């Protein structure tokens, strides 16, 4: 397997294990985490974060 394939496998396993650690509202928390990691700068509010491309739910879900 190529190094890129290895890295994607590690990332995939990490995401699955992280998701399994979330108990209450796992889907929302997981998407918020993705949104935080995909923003270009500091996040000031949850509403601002909900507008990030990585967060698929609207701000009303917060």
PDB file of N, CA and C in Angstrom:
ATOM      1  N   UNK A   1       0.847  -1.181   0.000  1.00  0.00           N
ATOM      2  CA  UNK A   1       0.000   0.000   0.000  1.00  0.00           C
ATOM      3  C   UNK A   1       0.888   1.239   0.000  1.00  0.00           C
ATOM      4  N   UNK A   2       0.476   2.269  -0.688  1.00  0.00           N
ATOM      5  CA  UNK A   2       1.282   3.489  -0.780  1.00  0.00           C
ATOM      6  C   UNK A   2       1.160   4.305   0.499  1.00  0.00           C
ATOM      7  N   UNK A   3       2.105   5.207   0.750  1.00  0.00           N
ATOM      8  CA  UNK A   3       2.053   6.020   1.968  1.00  0.00           C
ATOM      9  C   UNK A   3       0.762   6.826   2.095  1.00  0.00           C
ATOM     10  N   UNK A   4       0.214   7.306   0.969  1.00  0.00           N
ATOM     11  CA  UNK A   4      -1.035   8.060   1.028  1.00  0.00           C
ATOM     12  C   UNK A   4      -2.176   7.159   1.480  1.00  0.00           C
ATOM     13  N   UNK A   5      -2.196   5.945   0.984  1.00  0.00           N
ATOM     14  CA  UNK A   5      -3.213   4.985   1.409  1.00  0.00           C
ATOM     15  C   UNK A   5      -3.104   4.664   2.884  1.00  0.00           C
ATOM     16  N   UNK A   6      -1.882   4.538   3.386  1.00  0.00           N
ATOM     17  CA  UNK A   6      -1.661   4.301   4.813  1.00  0.00           C
ATOM     18  C   UNK A   6      -2.183   5.473   5.638  1.00  0.00           C
ATOM     19  N   UNK A   7      -1.881   6.675   5.201  1.00  0.00           N
ATOM     20  CA  UNK A   7      -2.319   7.872   5.928  1.00  0.00           C
ATOM     21  C   UNK A   7      -3.841   7.975   5.947  1.00  0.00           C
ATOM     22  N   UNK A   8      -4.477   7.667   4.829  1.00  0.00           N
ATOM     23  CA  UNK A   8      -5.938   7.716   4.785  1.00  0.00           C
ATOM     24  C   UNK A   8      -6.558   6.650   5.683  1.00  0.00           C
ATOM     25  N   UNK A   9      -5.920   5.497   5.756  1.00  0.00           N
ATOM     26  CA  UNK A   9      -6.401   4.451   6.648  1.00  0.00           C
ATOM     27  C   UNK A   9      -6.308   4.860   8.109  1.00  0.00           C
ATOM     28  N   UNK A  10      -5.205   5.472   8.481  1.00  0.00           N
ATOM     29  CA  UNK A  10      -5.021   5.952   9.856  1.00  0.00           C
ATOM     30  C   UNK A  10      -6.054   7.029  10.175  1.00  0.00           C
ATOM     31  N   UNK A  11      -6.253   7.963   9.252  1.00  0.00           N
ATOM     32  CA  UNK A  11      -7.231   9.033   9.461  1.00  0.00           C
ATOM     33  C   UNK A  11      -8.640   8.458   9.586  1.00  0.00           C
ATOM     34  N   UNK A  12      -8.962   7.500   8.758  1.00  0.00           N
ATOM     35  CA  UNK A  12     -10.278   6.873   8.806  1.00  0.00           C
ATOM     36  C   UNK A  12     -10.513   6.177  10.136  1.00  0.00           C
ATOM     37  N   UNK A  13      -9.530   5.436  10.609  1.00  0.00           N
ATOM     38  CA  UNK A  13      -9.656   4.764  11.904  1.00  0.00           C
ATOM     39  C   UNK A  13      -9.791   5.773  13.032  1.00  0.00           C
ATOM     40  N   UNK A  14      -9.017   6.863  12.976  1.00  0.00           N
ATOM     41  CA  UNK A  14      -9.103   7.897  14.007  1.00  0.00           C
ATOM     42  C   UNK A  14     -10.511   8.492  14.050  1.00  0.00           C
ATOM     43  N   UNK A  15     -11.064   8.796  12.864  1.00  0.00           N
ATOM     44  CA  UNK A  15     -12.408   9.386  12.812  1.00  0.00           C
ATOM     45  C   UNK A  15     -13.459   8.437  13.393  1.00  0.00           C
ATOM     46  N   UNK A  16     -13.352   7.157  13.091  1.00  0.00           N
ATOM     47  CA  UNK A  16     -14.304   6.178  13.621  1.00  0.00           C
ATOM     48  C   UNK A  16     -14.179   6.090  15.136  1.00  0.00           C
ATOM     49  N   UNK A  17     -12.952   6.010  15.642  1.00  0.00           N
ATOM     50  CA  UNK A  17     -12.747   5.915  17.086  1.00  0.00           C
ATOM     51  C   UNK A  17     -13.187   7.182  17.805  1.00  0.00           C
ATOM     52  N   UNK A  18     -12.943   8.343  17.198  1.00  0.00           N
ATOM     53  CA  UNK A  18     -13.384   9.607  17.794  1.00  0.00           C
ATOM     54  C   UNK A  18     -14.904   9.652  17.859  1.00  0.00           C
ATOM     55  N   UNK A  19     -15.567   9.256  16.783  1.00  0.00           N
ATOM     56  CA  UNK A  19     -17.027   9.248  16.743  1.00  0.00           C
ATOM     57  C   UNK A  19     -17.586   8.332  17.824  1.00  0.00           C
ATOM     58  N   UNK A  20     -16.952   7.191  18.034  1.00  0.00           N
ATOM     59  CA  UNK A  20     -17.419   6.247  19.044  1.00  0.00           C
ATOM     60  C   UNK A  20     -17.251   6.781  20.462  1.00  0.00           C
ATOM     61  N   UNK A  21     -16.383   7.764  20.664  1.00  0.00           N
ATOM     62  CA  UNK A  21     -16.189   8.367  21.981  1.00  0.00           C
ATOM     63  C   UNK A  21     -17.293   9.368  22.322  1.00  0.00           C
ATOM     64  N   UNK A  22     -18.017   9.823  21.321  1.00  0.00           N
ATOM     65  CA  UNK A  22     -19.075  10.805  21.530  1.00  0.00           C
ATOM     66  C   UNK A  22     -20.370  10.065  21.853  1.00  0.00           C
ATOM     67  N   UNK A  23     -20.989  10.421  22.967  1.00  0.00           N
ATOM     68  CA  UNK A  23     -22.196   9.715  23.378  1.00  0.00           C
ATOM     69  C   UNK A  23     -23.452  10.511  23.053  1.00  0.00           C
ATOM     70  N   UNK A  24     -23.590  11.664  23.620  1.00  0.00           N
ATOM     71  CA  UNK A  24     -24.784  12.475  23.390  1.00  0.00           C
ATOM     72  C   UNK A  24     -24.595  13.337  22.145  1.00  0.00           C
ATOM     73  N   UNK A  25     -25.536  13.280  21.250  1.00  0.00           N
ATOM     74  CA  UNK A  25     -25.547  14.097  20.025  1.00  0.00           C
ATOM     75  C   UNK A  25     -24.254  13.924  19.214  1.00  0.00           C
ATOM     76  N   UNK A  26     -23.869  12.692  19.012  1.00  0.00           N
ATOM     77  CA  UNK A  26     -22.605  12.381  18.339  1.00  0.00           C
ATOM     78  C   UNK A  26     -22.533  12.976  16.935  1.00  0.00           C
ATOM     79  N   UNK A  27     -23.626  12.900  16.177  1.00  0.00           N
ATOM     80  CA  UNK A  27     -23.602  13.416  14.803  1.00  0.00           C
ATOM     81  C   UNK A  27     -23.301  14.907  14.771  1.00  0.00           C
ATOM     82  N   UNK A  28     -23.966  15.662  15.626  1.00  0.00           N
ATOM     83  CA  UNK A  28     -23.785  17.113  15.651  1.00  0.00           C
ATOM     84  C   UNK A  28     -22.377  17.465  16.111  1.00  0.00           C
ATOM     85  N   UNK A  29     -21.906  16.834  17.166  1.00  0.00           N
ATOM     86  CA  UNK A  29     -20.563  17.122  17.673  1.00  0.00           C
ATOM     87  C   UNK A  29     -19.490  16.748  16.661  1.00  0.00           C
ATOM     88  N   UNK A  30     -19.694  15.648  15.948  1.00  0.00           N
ATOM     89  CA  UNK A  30     -18.733  15.234  14.941  1.00  0.00           C
ATOM     90  C   UNK A  30     -18.685  16.250  13.802  1.00  0.00           C
ATOM     91  N   UNK A  31     -19.842  16.727  13.364  1.00  0.00           N
ATOM     92  CA  UNK A  31     -19.880  17.731  12.298  1.00  0.00           C
ATOM     93  C   UNK A  31     -19.296  19.063  12.760  1.00  0.00           C
ATOM     94  N   UNK A  32     -19.528  19.437  14.010  1.00  0.00           N
ATOM     95  CA  UNK A  32     -18.916  20.658  14.538  1.00  0.00           C
ATOM     96  C   UNK A  32     -17.396  20.536  14.555  1.00  0.00           C
ATOM     97  N   UNK A  33     -16.896  19.357  14.896  1.00  0.00           N
ATOM     98  CA  UNK A  33     -15.452  19.133  14.886  1.00  0.00           C
ATOM     99  C   UNK A  33     -14.897  19.276  13.469  1.00  0.00           C
ATOM    100  N   UNK A  34     -15.582  18.693  12.500  1.00  0.00           N
ATOM    101  CA  UNK A  34     -15.165  18.849  11.103  1.00  0.00           C
ATOM    102  C   UNK A  34     -15.153  20.312  10.697  1.00  0.00           C
ATOM    103  N   UNK A  35     -16.190  21.048  11.100  1.00  0.00           N
ATOM    104  CA  UNK A  35     -16.274  22.461  10.740  1.00  0.00           C
ATOM    105  C   UNK A  35     -15.136  23.264  11.363  1.00  0.00           C
ATOM    106  N   UNK A  36     -14.802  22.973  12.618  1.00  0.00           N
ATOM    107  CA  UNK A  36     -13.686  23.666  13.275  1.00  0.00           C
ATOM    108  C   UNK A  36     -12.385  23.412  12.522  1.00  0.00           C
ATOM    109  N   UNK A  37     -12.181  22.183  12.112  1.00  0.00           N
ATOM    110  CA  UNK A  37     -10.944  21.834  11.415  1.00  0.00           C
ATOM    111  C   UNK A  37     -10.880  22.396   9.997  1.00  0.00           C
ATOM    112  N   UNK A  38     -12.022  22.735   9.424  1.00  0.00           N
ATOM    113  CA  UNK A  38     -12.057  23.221   8.037  1.00  0.00           C
ATOM    114  C   UNK A  38     -12.115  24.737   7.913  1.00  0.00           C
ATOM    115  N   UNK A  39     -12.249  25.456   9.017  1.00  0.00           N
ATOM    116  CA  UNK A  39     -12.313  26.909   8.936  1.00  0.00           C
ATOM    117  C   UNK A  39     -10.920  27.490   8.735  1.00  0.00           C
ATOM    118  N   UNK A  40     -10.891  28.689   8.151  1.00  0.00           N
ATOM    119  CA  UNK A  40      -9.610  29.338   7.848  1.00  0.00           C
ATOM    120  C   UNK A  40      -9.052  30.166   8.994  1.00  0.00           C
ATOM    121  N   UNK A  41      -9.848  30.447   9.990  1.00  0.00           N
ATOM    122  CA  UNK A  41      -9.367  31.286  11.082  1.00  0.00           C
ATOM    123  C   UNK A  41     -10.042  30.911  12.381  1.00  0.00           C
ATOM    124  N   UNK A  42      -9.896  31.763  13.367  1.00  0.00           N
ATOM    125  CA  UNK A  42     -10.510  31.475  14.665  1.00  0.00           C
ATOM    126  C   UNK A  42     -12.034  31.512  14.570  1.00  0.00           C
ATOM    127  N   UNK A  43     -12.673  30.696  15.374  1.00  0.00           N
ATOM    128  CA  UNK A  43     -14.131  30.643  15.433  1.00  0.00           C
ATOM    129  C   UNK A  43     -14.570  31.433  16.651  1.00  0.00           C
ATOM    130  N   UNK A  44     -15.453  32.403  16.421  1.00  0.00           N
ATOM    131  CA  UNK A  44     -15.894  33.267  17.520  1.00  0.00           C
ATOM    132  C   UNK A  44     -17.233  32.837  18.109  1.00  0.00           C
ATOM    133  N   UNK A  45     -18.131  32.302  17.275  1.00  0.00           N
ATOM    134  CA  UNK A  45     -19.448  31.887  17.749  1.00  0.00           C
ATOM    135  C   UNK A  45     -19.840  30.568  17.099  1.00  0.00           C
ATOM    136  N   UNK A  46     -20.769  29.864  17.737  1.00  0.00           N
ATOM    137  CA  UNK A  46     -21.258  28.620  17.165  1.00  0.00           C
ATOM    138  C   UNK A  46     -22.054  28.869  15.893  1.00  0.00           C
ATOM    139  N   UNK A  47     -22.764  30.000  15.840  1.00  0.00           N
ATOM    140  CA  UNK A  47     -23.525  30.321  14.631  1.00  0.00           C
ATOM    141  C   UNK A  47     -22.577  30.528  13.453  1.00  0.00           C
ATOM    142  N   UNK A  48     -21.481  31.243  13.686  1.00  0.00           N
ATOM    143  CA  UNK A  48     -20.470  31.433  12.640  1.00  0.00           C
ATOM    144  C   UNK A  48     -19.910  30.081  12.199  1.00  0.00           C
ATOM    145  N   UNK A  49     -19.689  29.211  13.147  1.00  0.00           N
ATOM    146  CA  UNK A  49     -19.166  27.885  12.836  1.00  0.00           C
ATOM    147  C   UNK A  49     -20.172  27.076  12.022  1.00  0.00           C
ATOM    148  N   UNK A  50     -21.446  27.250  12.321  1.00  0.00           N
ATOM    149  CA  UNK A  50     -22.466  26.483  11.595  1.00  0.00           C
ATOM    150  C   UNK A  50     -22.549  26.895  10.132  1.00  0.00           C
ATOM    151  N   UNK A  51     -22.004  28.036   9.775  1.00  0.00           N
ATOM    152  CA  UNK A  51     -21.996  28.483   8.388  1.00  0.00           C
ATOM    153  C   UNK A  51     -20.794  27.952   7.613  1.00  0.00           C
ATOM    154  N   UNK A  52     -19.871  27.304   8.282  1.00  0.00           N
ATOM    155  CA  UNK A  52     -18.690  26.740   7.613  1.00  0.00           C
ATOM    156  C   UNK A  52     -19.098  25.591   6.709  1.00  0.00           C
ATOM    157  N   UNK A  53     -18.344  25.391   5.652  1.00  0.00           N
ATOM    158  CA  UNK A  53     -18.674  24.348   4.668  1.00  0.00           C
ATOM    159  C   UNK A  53     -18.692  22.952   5.282  1.00  0.00           C
ATOM    160  N   UNK A  54     -17.871  22.711   6.287  1.00  0.00           N
ATOM    161  CA  UNK A  54     -17.803  21.390   6.908  1.00  0.00           C
ATOM    162  C   UNK A  54     -18.999  21.045   7.769  1.00  0.00           C
ATOM    163  N   UNK A  55     -19.798  22.038   8.099  1.00  0.00           N
ATOM    164  CA  UNK A  55     -20.977  21.815   8.947  1.00  0.00           C
ATOM    165  C   UNK A  55     -22.203  21.783   8.053  1.00  0.00           C
ATOM    166  N   UNK A  56     -22.786  20.621   7.913  1.00  0.00           N
ATOM    167  CA  UNK A  56     -23.899  20.454   6.970  1.00  0.00           C
ATOM    168  C   UNK A  56     -25.235  20.853   7.540  1.00  0.00           C
ATOM    169  N   UNK A  57     -25.352  20.968   8.826  1.00  0.00           N
ATOM    170  CA  UNK A  57     -26.626  21.337   9.438  1.00  0.00           C
ATOM    171  C   UNK A  57     -26.731  22.856   9.527  1.00  0.00           C
ATOM    172  N   UNK A  58     -27.918  23.357   9.552  1.00  0.00           N
ATOM    173  CA  UNK A  58     -28.116  24.805   9.673  1.00  0.00           C
ATOM    174  C   UNK A  58     -27.875  25.268  11.099  1.00  0.00           C
ATOM    175  N   UNK A  59     -27.863  26.578  11.304  1.00  0.00           N
ATOM    176  CA  UNK A  59     -27.607  27.096  12.647  1.00  0.00           C
ATOM    177  C   UNK A  59     -28.739  26.754  13.616  1.00  0.00           C
ATOM    178  N   UNK A  60     -29.918  26.435  13.104  1.00  0.00           N
ATOM    179  CA  UNK A  60     -31.009  26.072  13.997  1.00  0.00           C
ATOM    180  C   UNK A  60     -30.755  24.739  14.706  1.00  0.00           C
ATOM    181  N   UNK A  61     -29.838  23.925  14.168  1.00  0.00           N
ATOM    182  CA  UNK A  61     -29.510  22.646  14.810  1.00  0.00           C
ATOM    183  C   UNK A  61     -28.692  22.842  16.072  1.00  0.00           C
ATOM    184  N   UNK A  62     -28.094  24.017  16.236  1.00  0.00           N
ATOM    185  CA  UNK A  62     -27.289  24.263  17.424  1.00  0.00           C
ATOM    186  C   UNK A  62     -28.181  24.506  18.599  1.00  0.00           C
TER     187      UNK A  62
END
